[in-house]
Structures are given as C-alpha cells and as structure tokens.
C-alpha cells in the first residue's frame, strides 16, 4: 500500500455540467500527479460492487442509478500525504458545508450530486485504484 496515492472519480454530474477539465486542472494545480486516468461508463454491476459498503443504506439504489446514468472519470493520483491532502481539496460531502476554494464548493449541486469521489483512507485508495486500473495502466 502506498500512502502517497489516492483515488478520485469525477461523477456523472461533473461530466454533464462540463466541469471535467476545470476539476482536473484544480487537481493538478494542487500538486497532484495524475498517474492513471480512465473515461468510462460504469455498469450497474460495477457500481454495486464499488459502493457495496453502502448496500444496506436507503440511498444505495439511487446512488447506483446516479453513478450509472453517464460517464465518469476514474483517476489515480500521487502526492505526499495524498489521501488527506485530496480530502481537503474536495471539501465536505455537502457543498453547503464545504470550504471556499474546494472542488465541491465550486462544482457540486447537492450532497447527493457532489461532483467527485475521493478515497477516505490509504487502504481504500489502494482498493479503489485496483478496482478501476490494471497495474499496467498506472504510470508513476
């Protein structure tokens, strides 16, 4: 496990609103190196597996529907203290509570459509990177 890596996913709302490049620019301008990048549409099965931790929550089916309604961008990022630094950059899940200058404050519409996913631990970063990328797709 590499504590200098994290995972992000630009959610369908980001893509639909045309915020893909501005968000990627914010990520790079914050000093993150993009070491893997994939533009894809997740299948229902992929979304259910990726968010399986939430499978018993009342919002699970809505989350799966949201994440499969359009394309996403999956990215592996590298920077010292990557997970913590990226969590600061994206801001609170609820854009109303997010600090000015964060991705969610600038681009999220709501707590449910919050523009971007970010790993919450080094362990989950590794799991999420492996979920979306083969080792030959990561360039460090």
C-alpha atoms as a PDB file:
ATOM      1  CA  UNK A   1       0.000   0.000   0.000  1.00  0.00           C
ATOM      2  CA  UNK A   2       1.355   3.396  -0.977  1.00  0.00           C
ATOM      3  CA  UNK A   3       0.366   6.291   1.275  1.00  0.00           C
ATOM      4  CA  UNK A   4       1.340   8.739  -1.451  1.00  0.00           C
ATOM      5  CA  UNK A   5      -1.522   7.622  -3.675  1.00  0.00           C
ATOM      6  CA  UNK A   6      -5.218   8.270  -3.678  1.00  0.00           C
ATOM      7  CA  UNK A   7      -8.163   7.632  -5.954  1.00  0.00           C
ATOM      8  CA  UNK A   8     -10.731  10.026  -7.321  1.00  0.00           C
ATOM      9  CA  UNK A   9     -13.721   9.676  -9.539  1.00  0.00           C
ATOM     10  CA  UNK A  10     -15.408  12.577 -11.288  1.00  0.00           C
ATOM     11  CA  UNK A  11     -19.062  11.690 -11.069  1.00  0.00           C
ATOM     12  CA  UNK A  12     -21.640  11.896 -13.885  1.00  0.00           C
ATOM     13  CA  UNK A  13     -22.859  15.324 -12.741  1.00  0.00           C
ATOM     14  CA  UNK A  14     -19.347  16.743 -13.235  1.00  0.00           C
ATOM     15  CA  UNK A  15     -19.193  15.403 -16.780  1.00  0.00           C
ATOM     16  CA  UNK A  16     -22.756  16.507 -17.639  1.00  0.00           C
ATOM     17  CA  UNK A  17     -22.054  20.060 -16.478  1.00  0.00           C
ATOM     18  CA  UNK A  18     -18.842  20.296 -18.497  1.00  0.00           C
ATOM     19  CA  UNK A  19     -16.626  20.520 -15.406  1.00  0.00           C
ATOM     20  CA  UNK A  20     -14.266  17.682 -16.271  1.00  0.00           C
ATOM     21  CA  UNK A  21     -11.302  19.819 -17.321  1.00  0.00           C
ATOM     22  CA  UNK A  22     -11.708  22.538 -14.658  1.00  0.00           C
ATOM     23  CA  UNK A  23     -11.738  19.861 -11.941  1.00  0.00           C
ATOM     24  CA  UNK A  24      -8.724  18.050 -13.391  1.00  0.00           C
ATOM     25  CA  UNK A  25      -6.928  21.408 -13.581  1.00  0.00           C
ATOM     26  CA  UNK A  26      -7.700  22.099  -9.899  1.00  0.00           C
ATOM     27  CA  UNK A  27      -6.280  18.682  -9.030  1.00  0.00           C
ATOM     28  CA  UNK A  28      -3.064  19.287 -10.972  1.00  0.00           C
ATOM     29  CA  UNK A  29      -2.732  22.865  -9.693  1.00  0.00           C
ATOM     30  CA  UNK A  30      -2.917  21.483  -6.132  1.00  0.00           C
ATOM     31  CA  UNK A  31       0.251  19.489  -6.861  1.00  0.00           C
ATOM     32  CA  UNK A  32      -1.237  16.073  -7.585  1.00  0.00           C
ATOM     33  CA  UNK A  33       0.316  13.989 -10.332  1.00  0.00           C
ATOM     34  CA  UNK A  34      -2.254  12.030 -12.351  1.00  0.00           C
ATOM     35  CA  UNK A  35      -0.728   8.563 -12.715  1.00  0.00           C
ATOM     36  CA  UNK A  36      -3.767   6.839 -14.263  1.00  0.00           C
ATOM     37  CA  UNK A  37      -6.851   8.214 -15.975  1.00  0.00           C
ATOM     38  CA  UNK A  38      -9.874   6.484 -17.461  1.00  0.00           C
ATOM     39  CA  UNK A  39     -13.060   7.861 -19.030  1.00  0.00           C
ATOM     40  CA  UNK A  40     -15.790   5.250 -18.864  1.00  0.00           C
ATOM     41  CA  UNK A  41     -19.387   4.444 -18.061  1.00  0.00           C
ATOM     42  CA  UNK A  42     -19.768   2.129 -15.082  1.00  0.00           C
ATOM     43  CA  UNK A  43     -22.125  -0.794 -15.424  1.00  0.00           C
ATOM     44  CA  UNK A  44     -24.767  -1.414 -12.766  1.00  0.00           C
ATOM     45  CA  UNK A  45     -22.741  -4.386 -11.540  1.00  0.00           C
ATOM     46  CA  UNK A  46     -19.554  -2.282 -11.249  1.00  0.00           C
ATOM     47  CA  UNK A  47     -21.359   0.489  -9.365  1.00  0.00           C
ATOM     48  CA  UNK A  48     -22.961  -2.020  -6.978  1.00  0.00           C
ATOM     49  CA  UNK A  49     -19.558  -3.597  -6.281  1.00  0.00           C
ATOM     50  CA  UNK A  50     -17.743  -0.272  -5.910  1.00  0.00           C
ATOM     51  CA  UNK A  51     -20.335   1.057  -3.456  1.00  0.00           C
ATOM     52  CA  UNK A  52     -21.062  -2.301  -1.759  1.00  0.00           C
ATOM     53  CA  UNK A  53     -20.164  -0.783   1.618  1.00  0.00           C
ATOM     54  CA  UNK A  54     -23.417   1.200   1.299  1.00  0.00           C
ATOM     55  CA  UNK A  55     -25.586  -1.712   0.114  1.00  0.00           C
ATOM     56  CA  UNK A  56     -27.699  -1.733   3.273  1.00  0.00           C
ATOM     57  CA  UNK A  57     -28.326   2.027   3.232  1.00  0.00           C
ATOM     58  CA  UNK A  58     -31.612   3.503   1.974  1.00  0.00           C
ATOM     59  CA  UNK A  59     -29.821   5.622  -0.651  1.00  0.00           C
ATOM     60  CA  UNK A  60     -27.947   2.695  -2.256  1.00  0.00           C
ATOM     61  CA  UNK A  61     -30.229   2.166  -5.281  1.00  0.00           C
ATOM     62  CA  UNK A  62     -30.341   5.919  -6.001  1.00  0.00           C
ATOM     63  CA  UNK A  63     -26.539   6.047  -5.743  1.00  0.00           C
ATOM     64  CA  UNK A  64     -26.138   3.176  -8.220  1.00  0.00           C
ATOM     65  CA  UNK A  65     -28.619   4.806 -10.621  1.00  0.00           C
ATOM     66  CA  UNK A  66     -26.805   8.131 -10.352  1.00  0.00           C
ATOM     67  CA  UNK A  67     -23.364   6.625 -10.909  1.00  0.00           C
ATOM     68  CA  UNK A  68     -24.502   4.685 -13.988  1.00  0.00           C
ATOM     69  CA  UNK A  69     -26.509   7.448 -15.688  1.00  0.00           C
ATOM     70  CA  UNK A  70     -23.493   8.763 -17.571  1.00  0.00           C
ATOM     71  CA  UNK A  71     -19.730   8.528 -17.899  1.00  0.00           C
ATOM     72  CA  UNK A  72     -17.267   9.037 -15.065  1.00  0.00           C
ATOM     73  CA  UNK A  73     -13.553   9.749 -14.936  1.00  0.00           C
ATOM     74  CA  UNK A  74     -11.518   7.485 -12.689  1.00  0.00           C
ATOM     75  CA  UNK A  75      -8.052   8.680 -11.716  1.00  0.00           C
ATOM     76  CA  UNK A  76      -5.181   7.547  -9.546  1.00  0.00           C
ATOM     77  CA  UNK A  77      -3.282  10.456  -8.038  1.00  0.00           C
ATOM     78  CA  UNK A  78       0.105  10.784  -6.433  1.00  0.00           C
ATOM     79  CA  UNK A  79       1.354  13.331  -3.917  1.00  0.00           C
ATOM     80  CA  UNK A  80       2.873  13.225  -0.481  1.00  0.00           C
ATOM     81  CA  UNK A  81       0.100  12.621   2.080  1.00  0.00           C
ATOM     82  CA  UNK A  82      -2.256  12.118  -0.871  1.00  0.00           C
ATOM     83  CA  UNK A  83      -5.436  10.932   0.850  1.00  0.00           C
ATOM     84  CA  UNK A  84      -5.547  13.696   3.447  1.00  0.00           C
ATOM     85  CA  UNK A  85      -4.489  16.417   1.001  1.00  0.00           C
ATOM     86  CA  UNK A  86      -7.108  15.335  -1.527  1.00  0.00           C
ATOM     87  CA  UNK A  87      -9.875  15.190   1.087  1.00  0.00           C
ATOM     88  CA  UNK A  88      -9.041  18.816   1.888  1.00  0.00           C
ATOM     89  CA  UNK A  89      -9.129  19.753  -1.802  1.00  0.00           C
ATOM     90  CA  UNK A  90     -12.538  18.197  -2.459  1.00  0.00           C
ATOM     91  CA  UNK A  91     -14.217  19.533   0.687  1.00  0.00           C
ATOM     92  CA  UNK A  92     -17.237  18.356   2.632  1.00  0.00           C
ATOM     93  CA  UNK A  93     -19.712  15.910   1.070  1.00  0.00           C
ATOM     94  CA  UNK A  94     -22.356  18.597   1.449  1.00  0.00           C
ATOM     95  CA  UNK A  95     -21.347  21.542  -0.775  1.00  0.00           C
ATOM     96  CA  UNK A  96     -23.199  23.912   1.577  1.00  0.00           C
ATOM     97  CA  UNK A  97     -20.705  22.944   4.296  1.00  0.00           C
ATOM     98  CA  UNK A  98     -17.632  22.816   2.032  1.00  0.00           C
ATOM     99  CA  UNK A  99     -14.977  25.477   2.428  1.00  0.00           C
ATOM    100  CA  UNK A 100     -14.470  28.099  -0.266  1.00  0.00           C
ATOM    101  CA  UNK A 101     -11.927  27.021  -2.857  1.00  0.00           C
ATOM    102  CA  UNK A 102     -12.775  23.326  -2.649  1.00  0.00           C
ATOM    103  CA  UNK A 103     -13.962  21.278  -5.612  1.00  0.00           C
ATOM    104  CA  UNK A 104     -17.344  20.521  -4.065  1.00  0.00           C
ATOM    105  CA  UNK A 105     -17.979  24.131  -3.049  1.00  0.00           C
ATOM    106  CA  UNK A 106     -17.316  25.192  -6.612  1.00  0.00           C
ATOM    107  CA  UNK A 107     -18.895  22.353  -8.617  1.00  0.00           C
ATOM    108  CA  UNK A 108     -21.288  20.218  -6.516  1.00  0.00           C
ATOM    109  CA  UNK A 109     -25.053  20.714  -6.712  1.00  0.00           C
ATOM    110  CA  UNK A 110     -26.035  18.798  -3.582  1.00  0.00           C
ATOM    111  CA  UNK A 111     -24.930  16.206  -1.062  1.00  0.00           C
ATOM    112  CA  UNK A 112     -26.198  13.513  -3.458  1.00  0.00           C
ATOM    113  CA  UNK A 113     -24.654  15.028  -6.588  1.00  0.00           C
ATOM    114  CA  UNK A 114     -21.368  16.169  -5.128  1.00  0.00           C
ATOM    115  CA  UNK A 115     -19.177  16.193  -8.242  1.00  0.00           C
ATOM    116  CA  UNK A 116     -16.324  13.978  -7.115  1.00  0.00           C
ATOM    117  CA  UNK A 117     -15.385  10.948  -5.032  1.00  0.00           C
ATOM    118  CA  UNK A 118     -12.187  10.803  -3.016  1.00  0.00           C
ATOM    119  CA  UNK A 119     -10.730   7.874  -1.071  1.00  0.00           C
ATOM    120  CA  UNK A 120     -11.122   8.192   2.679  1.00  0.00           C
ATOM    121  CA  UNK A 121      -8.095   6.093   3.712  1.00  0.00           C
ATOM    122  CA  UNK A 122      -4.838   4.718   2.326  1.00  0.00           C
ATOM    123  CA  UNK A 123      -6.333   1.222   2.403  1.00  0.00           C
ATOM    124  CA  UNK A 124      -9.436   2.272   0.439  1.00  0.00           C
ATOM    125  CA  UNK A 125      -7.294   4.258  -2.016  1.00  0.00           C
ATOM    126  CA  UNK A 126      -5.395   1.084  -2.864  1.00  0.00           C
ATOM    127  CA  UNK A 127      -8.609  -0.959  -3.175  1.00  0.00           C
ATOM    128  CA  UNK A 128     -10.304   1.681  -5.345  1.00  0.00           C
ATOM    129  CA  UNK A 129      -7.282   2.133  -7.615  1.00  0.00           C
ATOM    130  CA  UNK A 130      -7.080  -1.649  -8.090  1.00  0.00           C
ATOM    131  CA  UNK A 131     -10.837  -1.759  -8.797  1.00  0.00           C
ATOM    132  CA  UNK A 132     -10.533   0.614 -11.767  1.00  0.00           C
ATOM    133  CA  UNK A 133      -6.998   0.048 -13.067  1.00  0.00           C
ATOM    134  CA  UNK A 134      -4.726  -2.824 -14.002  1.00  0.00           C
ATOM    135  CA  UNK A 135      -1.120  -2.362 -12.889  1.00  0.00           C
ATOM    136  CA  UNK A 136      -0.035  -1.722 -16.496  1.00  0.00           C
ATOM    137  CA  UNK A 137      -2.387   1.302 -16.646  1.00  0.00           C
ATOM    138  CA  UNK A 138      -0.645   3.143 -13.802  1.00  0.00           C
ATOM    139  CA  UNK A 139       2.368   5.309 -14.622  1.00  0.00           C
ATOM    140  CA  UNK A 140       4.261   6.611 -11.647  1.00  0.00           C
END
